[in-house]
Amino acid sequence: MRPARALRHFLAVAVLPVTVAGLVPLWIAQRYAVVPAIGASVGLLVLQAAGLIVLALGGLLFVSSLRRFAGEGQGTLAPWDPPRRLVVRGPYRFVRNPMISGVLFALVGEAMLLASRPHVVWSLVFLGVNVVYIPLVEEPGLRRRFGAAHLEYCRHVPRVFPRMHPWSPASAHEDAA
């Protein structure tokens, strides 16, 4: 990756997901005196172990999506430097916003790991903002940039809840059956 392109990705990641999944949760922990601790009961230990798994899955989904944006899309996750090509492979075959899903999983995993209600609330706020932002701002821009290809993609791949089976433009006729 060229240095200028690497810098673009670094800045986009530093500004957006690091703030959402790192700085804000740290602020919440300080504000509400949430201290990381190993669970005192079996139930809490199970919750924390599950939280660690959810957090790791969120990280993997985010990184996989980010790599697709960089390689196939030739852009970043930032609205000010979006992909130049429509990305419909990898996790994008199951859900239209896997990067947001990855960050949401990370936030939920953090809340479970910390057993923190304020972190659960932050996860819900993040979800709510994106449920409004994506259809009102992001998707109209994608339709303008990618036209019919984006409309076709939207007909087959859900925005929030993933498909059970991956979609690809070649399998569009199978979806109609």
N, C-alpha and C. Protein backbone atom coordinates (compact mmCIF):
# COMPACT_ATOMS: atom_id res chain seq x y z
N MET A 1 0.85 -1.17 0.00
CA MET A 1 0.00 0.00 0.00
C MET A 1 0.90 1.24 0.00
N ARG A 2 0.57 2.18 -0.85
CA ARG A 2 1.36 3.41 -0.93
C ARG A 2 1.23 4.22 0.35
N PRO A 3 2.26 5.00 0.70
CA PRO A 3 2.22 5.76 1.96
C PRO A 3 1.01 6.71 2.05
N ALA A 4 0.66 7.40 0.98
CA ALA A 4 -0.47 8.33 1.03
C ALA A 4 -1.77 7.58 1.29
N ARG A 5 -1.92 6.43 0.66
CA ARG A 5 -3.12 5.62 0.86
C ARG A 5 -3.17 5.05 2.27
N ALA A 6 -2.03 4.61 2.77
CA ALA A 6 -1.96 4.09 4.13
C ALA A 6 -2.32 5.17 5.14
N LEU A 7 -1.86 6.39 4.91
CA LEU A 7 -2.19 7.51 5.79
C LEU A 7 -3.69 7.78 5.78
N ARG A 8 -4.31 7.74 4.61
CA ARG A 8 -5.76 7.94 4.51
C ARG A 8 -6.51 6.92 5.36
N HIS A 9 -6.09 5.66 5.27
CA HIS A 9 -6.75 4.60 6.06
C HIS A 9 -6.49 4.79 7.55
N PHE A 10 -5.27 5.10 7.89
CA PHE A 10 -4.93 5.32 9.30
C PHE A 10 -5.79 6.44 9.90
N LEU A 11 -5.91 7.56 9.19
CA LEU A 11 -6.70 8.69 9.68
C LEU A 11 -8.17 8.33 9.81
N ALA A 12 -8.71 7.63 8.82
CA ALA A 12 -10.12 7.24 8.87
C ALA A 12 -10.39 6.31 10.06
N VAL A 13 -9.51 5.34 10.27
CA VAL A 13 -9.69 4.41 11.39
C VAL A 13 -9.49 5.14 12.72
N ALA A 14 -8.50 6.02 12.79
CA ALA A 14 -8.23 6.75 14.02
C ALA A 14 -9.40 7.66 14.40
N VAL A 15 -10.00 8.28 13.42
CA VAL A 15 -11.08 9.23 13.71
C VAL A 15 -12.39 8.50 14.03
N LEU A 16 -12.73 7.48 13.27
CA LEU A 16 -14.06 6.88 13.43
C LEU A 16 -14.10 5.71 14.41
N PRO A 17 -13.68 4.50 14.05
CA PRO A 17 -13.85 3.38 14.98
C PRO A 17 -13.05 3.50 16.27
N VAL A 18 -11.89 4.11 16.23
CA VAL A 18 -11.12 4.27 17.48
C VAL A 18 -11.89 5.17 18.45
N THR A 19 -12.52 6.20 17.92
CA THR A 19 -13.32 7.07 18.77
C THR A 19 -14.54 6.33 19.30
N VAL A 20 -15.27 5.66 18.41
CA VAL A 20 -16.52 4.99 18.78
C VAL A 20 -16.29 3.80 19.70
N ALA A 21 -15.31 2.97 19.40
CA ALA A 21 -15.11 1.73 20.16
C ALA A 21 -13.99 1.83 21.19
N GLY A 22 -13.28 2.94 21.21
CA GLY A 22 -12.18 3.10 22.15
C GLY A 22 -12.34 4.29 23.07
N LEU A 23 -12.31 5.49 22.50
CA LEU A 23 -12.33 6.70 23.33
C LEU A 23 -13.65 6.90 24.07
N VAL A 24 -14.77 6.73 23.37
CA VAL A 24 -16.06 6.91 24.04
C VAL A 24 -16.26 5.85 25.14
N PRO A 25 -15.99 4.57 24.87
CA PRO A 25 -16.10 3.59 25.97
C PRO A 25 -15.17 3.89 27.16
N LEU A 26 -13.98 4.41 26.88
CA LEU A 26 -13.10 4.80 27.99
C LEU A 26 -13.70 5.94 28.79
N TRP A 27 -14.25 6.91 28.09
CA TRP A 27 -14.90 8.03 28.78
C TRP A 27 -16.08 7.54 29.61
N ILE A 28 -16.88 6.62 29.05
CA ILE A 28 -18.03 6.06 29.78
C ILE A 28 -17.54 5.33 31.03
N ALA A 29 -16.48 4.56 30.89
CA ALA A 29 -15.94 3.83 32.05
C ALA A 29 -15.51 4.79 33.14
N GLN A 30 -14.85 5.87 32.76
CA GLN A 30 -14.43 6.87 33.76
C GLN A 30 -15.63 7.58 34.37
N ARG A 31 -16.56 7.97 33.52
CA ARG A 31 -17.73 8.74 33.97
C ARG A 31 -18.58 7.94 34.95
N TYR A 32 -18.73 6.64 34.70
CA TYR A 32 -19.60 5.80 35.52
C TYR A 32 -18.82 4.85 36.43
N ALA A 33 -17.54 5.10 36.59
CA ALA A 33 -16.68 4.31 37.48
C ALA A 33 -16.77 2.80 37.18
N VAL A 34 -16.73 2.47 35.89
CA VAL A 34 -16.72 1.07 35.48
C VAL A 34 -15.27 0.61 35.48
N VAL A 35 -15.00 -0.40 36.29
CA VAL A 35 -13.64 -0.90 36.43
C VAL A 35 -13.59 -2.34 35.93
N PRO A 36 -12.67 -2.63 35.01
CA PRO A 36 -12.55 -4.02 34.55
C PRO A 36 -12.19 -4.93 35.72
N ALA A 37 -12.94 -6.02 35.85
CA ALA A 37 -12.68 -6.99 36.92
C ALA A 37 -13.16 -8.36 36.47
N ILE A 38 -12.47 -9.37 36.93
CA ILE A 38 -12.90 -10.74 36.64
C ILE A 38 -14.16 -11.01 37.44
N GLY A 39 -15.15 -11.61 36.76
CA GLY A 39 -16.44 -11.87 37.38
C GLY A 39 -16.36 -12.64 38.69
N ALA A 40 -17.22 -12.25 39.63
CA ALA A 40 -17.23 -12.88 40.95
C ALA A 40 -18.15 -14.09 41.00
N SER A 41 -18.92 -14.31 39.94
CA SER A 41 -19.82 -15.47 39.90
C SER A 41 -19.63 -16.20 38.58
N VAL A 42 -20.14 -17.42 38.53
CA VAL A 42 -20.04 -18.21 37.31
C VAL A 42 -20.80 -17.51 36.18
N GLY A 43 -21.98 -16.98 36.48
CA GLY A 43 -22.78 -16.29 35.48
C GLY A 43 -22.05 -15.09 34.89
N LEU A 44 -21.39 -14.34 35.74
CA LEU A 44 -20.64 -13.17 35.27
C LEU A 44 -19.42 -13.59 34.46
N LEU A 45 -18.77 -14.66 34.87
CA LEU A 45 -17.63 -15.19 34.10
C LEU A 45 -18.07 -15.65 32.71
N VAL A 46 -19.22 -16.30 32.64
CA VAL A 46 -19.75 -16.74 31.35
C VAL A 46 -20.08 -15.53 30.48
N LEU A 47 -20.70 -14.51 31.06
CA LEU A 47 -21.01 -13.28 30.33
C LEU A 47 -19.72 -12.64 29.79
N GLN A 48 -18.70 -12.57 30.62
CA GLN A 48 -17.44 -11.97 30.20
C GLN A 48 -16.74 -12.80 29.12
N ALA A 49 -16.78 -14.12 29.24
CA ALA A 49 -16.18 -14.98 28.21
C ALA A 49 -16.92 -14.80 26.89
N ALA A 50 -18.24 -14.77 26.95
CA ALA A 50 -19.03 -14.54 25.73
C ALA A 50 -18.72 -13.15 25.16
N GLY A 51 -18.55 -12.17 26.04
CA GLY A 51 -18.21 -10.82 25.60
C GLY A 51 -16.88 -10.78 24.88
N LEU A 52 -15.93 -11.53 25.35
CA LEU A 52 -14.62 -11.60 24.70
C LEU A 52 -14.76 -12.19 23.29
N ILE A 53 -15.59 -13.21 23.16
CA ILE A 53 -15.83 -13.83 21.84
C ILE A 53 -16.53 -12.84 20.91
N VAL A 54 -17.56 -12.17 21.40
CA VAL A 54 -18.30 -11.19 20.59
C VAL A 54 -17.38 -10.05 20.17
N LEU A 55 -16.56 -9.58 21.09
CA LEU A 55 -15.59 -8.52 20.79
C LEU A 55 -14.62 -8.96 19.69
N ALA A 56 -14.10 -10.18 19.80
CA ALA A 56 -13.17 -10.70 18.79
C ALA A 56 -13.86 -10.85 17.43
N LEU A 57 -15.09 -11.35 17.42
CA LEU A 57 -15.84 -11.48 16.16
C LEU A 57 -16.07 -10.10 15.53
N GLY A 58 -16.39 -9.13 16.35
CA GLY A 58 -16.57 -7.77 15.85
C GLY A 58 -15.29 -7.23 15.23
N GLY A 59 -14.18 -7.48 15.88
CA GLY A 59 -12.89 -7.03 15.34
C GLY A 59 -12.57 -7.70 14.02
N LEU A 60 -12.81 -9.01 13.94
CA LEU A 60 -12.56 -9.74 12.68
C LEU A 60 -13.45 -9.24 11.55
N LEU A 61 -14.72 -9.03 11.85
CA LEU A 61 -15.66 -8.54 10.84
C LEU A 61 -15.26 -7.15 10.38
N PHE A 62 -14.89 -6.29 11.31
CA PHE A 62 -14.47 -4.93 10.96
C PHE A 62 -13.23 -4.96 10.07
N VAL A 63 -12.22 -5.71 10.47
CA VAL A 63 -10.97 -5.76 9.71
C VAL A 63 -11.20 -6.36 8.32
N SER A 64 -11.99 -7.41 8.24
CA SER A 64 -12.30 -8.01 6.95
C SER A 64 -13.00 -7.01 6.03
N SER A 65 -13.95 -6.28 6.57
CA SER A 65 -14.68 -5.27 5.79
C SER A 65 -13.76 -4.14 5.36
N LEU A 66 -12.92 -3.71 6.27
CA LEU A 66 -11.98 -2.62 5.97
C LEU A 66 -11.02 -3.02 4.86
N ARG A 67 -10.54 -4.25 4.89
CA ARG A 67 -9.64 -4.74 3.83
C ARG A 67 -10.33 -4.75 2.48
N ARG A 68 -11.61 -5.10 2.46
CA ARG A 68 -12.37 -5.09 1.21
C ARG A 68 -12.49 -3.66 0.68
N PHE A 69 -12.78 -2.72 1.57
CA PHE A 69 -12.87 -1.31 1.17
C PHE A 69 -11.56 -0.84 0.55
N ALA A 70 -10.47 -1.21 1.18
CA ALA A 70 -9.16 -0.76 0.71
C ALA A 70 -8.79 -1.42 -0.62
N GLY A 71 -8.92 -2.75 -0.69
CA GLY A 71 -8.50 -3.48 -1.88
C GLY A 71 -9.46 -3.35 -3.04
N GLU A 72 -10.67 -3.82 -2.86
CA GLU A 72 -11.65 -3.83 -3.94
C GLU A 72 -12.29 -2.47 -4.17
N GLY A 73 -12.59 -1.79 -3.07
CA GLY A 73 -13.30 -0.51 -3.19
C GLY A 73 -12.41 0.67 -3.49
N GLN A 74 -11.13 0.52 -3.24
CA GLN A 74 -10.14 1.59 -3.45
C GLN A 74 -10.54 2.87 -2.71
N GLY A 75 -10.94 2.71 -1.46
CA GLY A 75 -11.30 3.86 -0.64
C GLY A 75 -11.17 3.50 0.83
N THR A 76 -11.69 4.34 1.68
CA THR A 76 -11.63 4.12 3.12
C THR A 76 -13.04 4.06 3.69
N LEU A 77 -13.13 3.83 4.98
CA LEU A 77 -14.42 3.79 5.65
C LEU A 77 -14.97 5.20 5.90
N ALA A 78 -14.17 6.20 5.70
CA ALA A 78 -14.57 7.57 6.01
C ALA A 78 -15.52 8.13 4.95
N PRO A 79 -16.58 8.82 5.38
CA PRO A 79 -17.49 9.43 4.41
C PRO A 79 -16.79 10.45 3.50
N TRP A 80 -15.70 11.05 3.97
CA TRP A 80 -14.98 12.03 3.17
C TRP A 80 -14.01 11.39 2.18
N ASP A 81 -13.84 10.04 2.24
CA ASP A 81 -12.95 9.33 1.32
C ASP A 81 -13.52 7.94 1.04
N PRO A 82 -14.72 7.88 0.44
CA PRO A 82 -15.41 6.60 0.29
C PRO A 82 -14.80 5.73 -0.81
N PRO A 83 -15.18 4.46 -0.84
CA PRO A 83 -14.71 3.57 -1.91
C PRO A 83 -15.12 4.10 -3.28
N ARG A 84 -14.27 3.84 -4.25
CA ARG A 84 -14.55 4.26 -5.63
C ARG A 84 -15.26 3.18 -6.41
N ARG A 85 -15.24 1.95 -5.89
CA ARG A 85 -15.94 0.82 -6.49
C ARG A 85 -16.89 0.21 -5.47
N LEU A 86 -18.02 -0.28 -5.95
CA LEU A 86 -18.99 -0.93 -5.09
C LEU A 86 -18.43 -2.27 -4.61
N VAL A 87 -18.43 -2.48 -3.31
CA VAL A 87 -17.90 -3.72 -2.72
C VAL A 87 -19.08 -4.63 -2.39
N VAL A 88 -19.10 -5.81 -3.01
CA VAL A 88 -20.20 -6.76 -2.79
C VAL A 88 -19.68 -8.18 -2.51
N ARG A 89 -18.43 -8.30 -2.11
CA ARG A 89 -17.84 -9.60 -1.82
C ARG A 89 -17.50 -9.70 -0.33
N GLY A 90 -17.05 -10.87 0.08
CA GLY A 90 -16.69 -11.08 1.48
C GLY A 90 -17.92 -10.93 2.36
N PRO A 91 -17.79 -10.26 3.50
CA PRO A 91 -18.93 -10.11 4.40
C PRO A 91 -20.07 -9.30 3.79
N TYR A 92 -19.77 -8.51 2.75
CA TYR A 92 -20.80 -7.71 2.08
C TYR A 92 -21.78 -8.59 1.30
N ARG A 93 -21.50 -9.87 1.16
CA ARG A 93 -22.43 -10.80 0.51
C ARG A 93 -23.56 -11.18 1.44
N PHE A 94 -23.40 -10.92 2.74
CA PHE A 94 -24.40 -11.29 3.73
C PHE A 94 -25.21 -10.10 4.25
N VAL A 95 -24.54 -8.96 4.40
CA VAL A 95 -25.19 -7.77 4.97
C VAL A 95 -24.53 -6.53 4.37
N ARG A 96 -25.32 -5.48 4.16
CA ARG A 96 -24.79 -4.30 3.47
C ARG A 96 -23.84 -3.46 4.33
N ASN A 97 -23.88 -3.60 5.62
CA ASN A 97 -23.05 -2.76 6.50
C ASN A 97 -22.26 -3.60 7.50
N PRO A 98 -21.41 -4.51 7.01
CA PRO A 98 -20.69 -5.36 7.95
C PRO A 98 -19.68 -4.60 8.82
N MET A 99 -19.21 -3.47 8.33
CA MET A 99 -18.26 -2.70 9.14
C MET A 99 -18.98 -2.14 10.37
N ILE A 100 -20.18 -1.61 10.17
CA ILE A 100 -20.97 -1.11 11.29
C ILE A 100 -21.32 -2.28 12.21
N SER A 101 -21.68 -3.42 11.63
CA SER A 101 -21.98 -4.60 12.44
C SER A 101 -20.77 -5.00 13.28
N GLY A 102 -19.58 -4.94 12.68
CA GLY A 102 -18.36 -5.28 13.41
C GLY A 102 -18.13 -4.35 14.59
N VAL A 103 -18.31 -3.06 14.37
CA VAL A 103 -18.14 -2.10 15.47
C VAL A 103 -19.22 -2.33 16.53
N LEU A 104 -20.45 -2.59 16.10
CA LEU A 104 -21.52 -2.85 17.06
C LEU A 104 -21.21 -4.10 17.89
N PHE A 105 -20.73 -5.17 17.24
CA PHE A 105 -20.33 -6.37 17.98
C PHE A 105 -19.25 -6.03 18.99
N ALA A 106 -18.29 -5.21 18.58
CA ALA A 106 -17.20 -4.81 19.49
C ALA A 106 -17.77 -4.06 20.70
N LEU A 107 -18.71 -3.16 20.45
CA LEU A 107 -19.30 -2.40 21.55
C LEU A 107 -20.10 -3.30 22.50
N VAL A 108 -20.87 -4.22 21.94
CA VAL A 108 -21.64 -5.15 22.77
C VAL A 108 -20.67 -6.06 23.54
N GLY A 109 -19.62 -6.51 22.87
CA GLY A 109 -18.61 -7.33 23.54
C GLY A 109 -17.95 -6.59 24.70
N GLU A 110 -17.64 -5.32 24.49
CA GLU A 110 -17.07 -4.51 25.57
C GLU A 110 -18.06 -4.41 26.74
N ALA A 111 -19.33 -4.17 26.42
CA ALA A 111 -20.34 -4.06 27.48
C ALA A 111 -20.45 -5.36 28.28
N MET A 112 -20.41 -6.48 27.57
CA MET A 112 -20.48 -7.79 28.24
C MET A 112 -19.23 -8.04 29.07
N LEU A 113 -18.08 -7.75 28.51
CA LEU A 113 -16.82 -7.97 29.20
C LEU A 113 -16.74 -7.14 30.48
N LEU A 114 -17.24 -5.92 30.42
CA LEU A 114 -17.22 -5.03 31.57
C LEU A 114 -18.46 -5.17 32.45
N ALA A 115 -19.46 -5.94 31.96
CA ALA A 115 -20.74 -6.07 32.65
C ALA A 115 -21.28 -4.68 32.99
N SER A 116 -21.35 -3.83 31.97
CA SER A 116 -21.64 -2.41 32.16
C SER A 116 -22.91 -1.99 31.41
N ARG A 117 -23.91 -1.56 32.18
CA ARG A 117 -25.13 -1.03 31.57
C ARG A 117 -24.86 0.25 30.77
N PRO A 118 -24.06 1.18 31.25
CA PRO A 118 -23.80 2.38 30.44
C PRO A 118 -23.18 2.04 29.08
N HIS A 119 -22.39 1.00 29.01
CA HIS A 119 -21.81 0.58 27.74
C HIS A 119 -22.87 -0.06 26.83
N VAL A 120 -23.83 -0.75 27.43
CA VAL A 120 -24.96 -1.27 26.65
C VAL A 120 -25.73 -0.10 26.03
N VAL A 121 -25.97 0.93 26.83
CA VAL A 121 -26.68 2.11 26.33
C VAL A 121 -25.91 2.73 25.17
N TRP A 122 -24.59 2.86 25.29
CA TRP A 122 -23.77 3.40 24.21
C TRP A 122 -23.91 2.54 22.94
N SER A 123 -23.94 1.22 23.10
CA SER A 123 -24.13 0.33 21.95
C SER A 123 -25.46 0.62 21.26
N LEU A 124 -26.50 0.82 22.04
CA LEU A 124 -27.82 1.11 21.48
C LEU A 124 -27.87 2.48 20.80
N VAL A 125 -27.18 3.46 21.39
CA VAL A 125 -27.10 4.79 20.77
C VAL A 125 -26.38 4.69 19.43
N PHE A 126 -25.27 3.98 19.40
CA PHE A 126 -24.53 3.79 18.16
C PHE A 126 -25.41 3.12 17.10
N LEU A 127 -26.13 2.07 17.49
CA LEU A 127 -27.02 1.39 16.56
C LEU A 127 -28.09 2.35 16.06
N GLY A 128 -28.71 3.10 16.97
CA GLY A 128 -29.77 4.04 16.60
C GLY A 128 -29.30 5.10 15.62
N VAL A 129 -28.13 5.67 15.88
CA VAL A 129 -27.58 6.69 14.98
C VAL A 129 -27.37 6.11 13.59
N ASN A 130 -26.85 4.90 13.51
CA ASN A 130 -26.58 4.29 12.20
C ASN A 130 -27.85 3.84 11.49
N VAL A 131 -28.86 3.42 12.25
CA VAL A 131 -30.13 3.03 11.63
C VAL A 131 -30.77 4.24 10.95
N VAL A 132 -30.52 5.43 11.47
CA VAL A 132 -31.03 6.66 10.86
C VAL A 132 -30.09 7.16 9.77
N TYR A 133 -28.80 7.23 10.06
CA TYR A 133 -27.81 7.80 9.15
C TYR A 133 -27.68 7.03 7.84
N ILE A 134 -27.61 5.71 7.92
CA ILE A 134 -27.34 4.91 6.72
C ILE A 134 -28.40 5.10 5.63
N PRO A 135 -29.70 4.93 5.94
CA PRO A 135 -30.67 5.10 4.85
C PRO A 135 -30.87 6.56 4.41
N LEU A 136 -30.66 7.50 5.33
CA LEU A 136 -30.89 8.90 4.99
C LEU A 136 -29.71 9.58 4.31
N VAL A 137 -28.49 9.17 4.64
CA VAL A 137 -27.31 9.86 4.12
C VAL A 137 -26.44 8.94 3.26
N GLU A 138 -26.04 7.81 3.82
CA GLU A 138 -25.07 6.96 3.13
C GLU A 138 -25.65 6.31 1.87
N GLU A 139 -26.81 5.69 1.98
CA GLU A 139 -27.35 4.96 0.83
C GLU A 139 -27.73 5.85 -0.36
N PRO A 140 -28.29 7.04 -0.15
CA PRO A 140 -28.53 7.90 -1.32
C PRO A 140 -27.22 8.24 -2.06
N GLY A 141 -26.15 8.45 -1.33
CA GLY A 141 -24.85 8.70 -1.96
C GLY A 141 -24.35 7.49 -2.75
N LEU A 142 -24.57 6.31 -2.21
CA LEU A 142 -24.18 5.09 -2.91
C LEU A 142 -25.00 4.91 -4.19
N ARG A 143 -26.30 5.22 -4.11
CA ARG A 143 -27.14 5.12 -5.31
C ARG A 143 -26.67 6.09 -6.39
N ARG A 144 -26.29 7.29 -5.99
CA ARG A 144 -25.79 8.28 -6.97
C ARG A 144 -24.49 7.80 -7.59
N ARG A 145 -23.60 7.25 -6.79
CA ARG A 145 -22.28 6.85 -7.30
C ARG A 145 -22.31 5.55 -8.09
N PHE A 146 -23.14 4.59 -7.66
CA PHE A 146 -23.08 3.26 -8.26
C PHE A 146 -24.33 2.85 -9.01
N GLY A 147 -25.37 3.66 -8.98
CA GLY A 147 -26.57 3.46 -9.79
C GLY A 147 -27.24 2.11 -9.66
N ALA A 148 -27.51 1.51 -10.83
CA ALA A 148 -28.26 0.26 -10.91
C ALA A 148 -27.57 -0.88 -10.15
N ALA A 149 -26.25 -0.91 -10.15
CA ALA A 149 -25.53 -1.97 -9.45
C ALA A 149 -25.84 -1.93 -7.95
N HIS A 150 -25.92 -0.72 -7.39
CA HIS A 150 -26.24 -0.60 -5.97
C HIS A 150 -27.70 -0.97 -5.71
N LEU A 151 -28.59 -0.57 -6.58
CA LEU A 151 -30.00 -0.93 -6.41
C LEU A 151 -30.19 -2.45 -6.45
N GLU A 152 -29.51 -3.10 -7.38
CA GLU A 152 -29.57 -4.56 -7.48
C GLU A 152 -29.04 -5.20 -6.19
N TYR A 153 -27.94 -4.70 -5.71
CA TYR A 153 -27.34 -5.20 -4.48
C TYR A 153 -28.32 -5.05 -3.31
N CYS A 154 -28.94 -3.88 -3.20
CA CYS A 154 -29.90 -3.62 -2.11
C CYS A 154 -31.12 -4.53 -2.18
N ARG A 155 -31.52 -4.92 -3.37
CA ARG A 155 -32.67 -5.83 -3.52
C ARG A 155 -32.38 -7.20 -2.93
N HIS A 156 -31.12 -7.58 -2.85
CA HIS A 156 -30.78 -8.94 -2.44
C HIS A 156 -30.07 -9.05 -1.09
N VAL A 157 -29.47 -7.97 -0.64
CA VAL A 157 -28.69 -8.03 0.60
C VAL A 157 -29.30 -7.07 1.62
N PRO A 158 -29.67 -7.58 2.78
CA PRO A 158 -30.31 -6.72 3.80
C PRO A 158 -29.33 -5.74 4.44
N ARG A 159 -29.89 -4.67 4.94
CA ARG A 159 -29.11 -3.59 5.54
C ARG A 159 -28.55 -4.01 6.91
N VAL A 160 -29.37 -4.62 7.75
CA VAL A 160 -28.97 -4.86 9.14
C VAL A 160 -28.85 -6.34 9.48
N PHE A 161 -29.88 -7.11 9.21
CA PHE A 161 -29.87 -8.52 9.59
C PHE A 161 -29.34 -9.35 8.42
N PRO A 162 -28.27 -10.09 8.63
CA PRO A 162 -27.61 -10.80 7.52
C PRO A 162 -28.46 -11.91 6.90
N ARG A 163 -28.16 -12.15 5.64
CA ARG A 163 -28.73 -13.28 4.92
C ARG A 163 -28.17 -14.57 5.49
N MET A 164 -28.87 -15.66 5.29
CA MET A 164 -28.36 -16.95 5.74
C MET A 164 -27.32 -17.50 4.75
N HIS A 165 -27.50 -17.17 3.48
CA HIS A 165 -26.59 -17.66 2.43
C HIS A 165 -26.00 -16.47 1.70
N PRO A 166 -24.75 -16.55 1.30
CA PRO A 166 -24.12 -15.40 0.63
C PRO A 166 -24.75 -15.11 -0.74
N TRP A 167 -24.81 -13.85 -1.08
CA TRP A 167 -25.32 -13.41 -2.38
C TRP A 167 -24.16 -12.96 -3.25
N SER A 168 -24.29 -13.16 -4.51
CA SER A 168 -23.35 -12.58 -5.47
C SER A 168 -24.15 -12.22 -6.71
N PRO A 169 -23.69 -11.25 -7.48
CA PRO A 169 -24.43 -10.85 -8.67
C PRO A 169 -24.74 -12.04 -9.59
N ALA A 170 -23.87 -13.01 -9.63
CA ALA A 170 -24.08 -14.19 -10.49
C ALA A 170 -25.24 -15.05 -9.98
N SER A 171 -25.55 -14.96 -8.67
CA SER A 171 -26.62 -15.80 -8.11
C SER A 171 -27.93 -15.04 -7.99
N ALA A 172 -28.05 -13.87 -8.59
CA ALA A 172 -29.25 -13.06 -8.45
C ALA A 172 -30.49 -13.82 -8.94
N HIS A 173 -30.35 -14.60 -10.00
CA HIS A 173 -31.50 -15.33 -10.51
C HIS A 173 -31.99 -16.39 -9.53
N GLU A 174 -31.08 -16.90 -8.66
CA GLU A 174 -31.48 -17.89 -7.68
C GLU A 174 -32.32 -17.26 -6.58
N ASP A 175 -32.06 -15.98 -6.27
CA ASP A 175 -32.82 -15.29 -5.24
C ASP A 175 -34.27 -15.10 -5.66
N ALA A 176 -34.51 -14.97 -6.93
CA ALA A 176 -35.87 -14.74 -7.41
C ALA A 176 -36.71 -16.00 -7.35
N ALA A 177 -36.07 -17.14 -7.32
CA ALA A 177 -36.80 -18.42 -7.31
C ALA A 177 -37.45 -18.71 -5.97
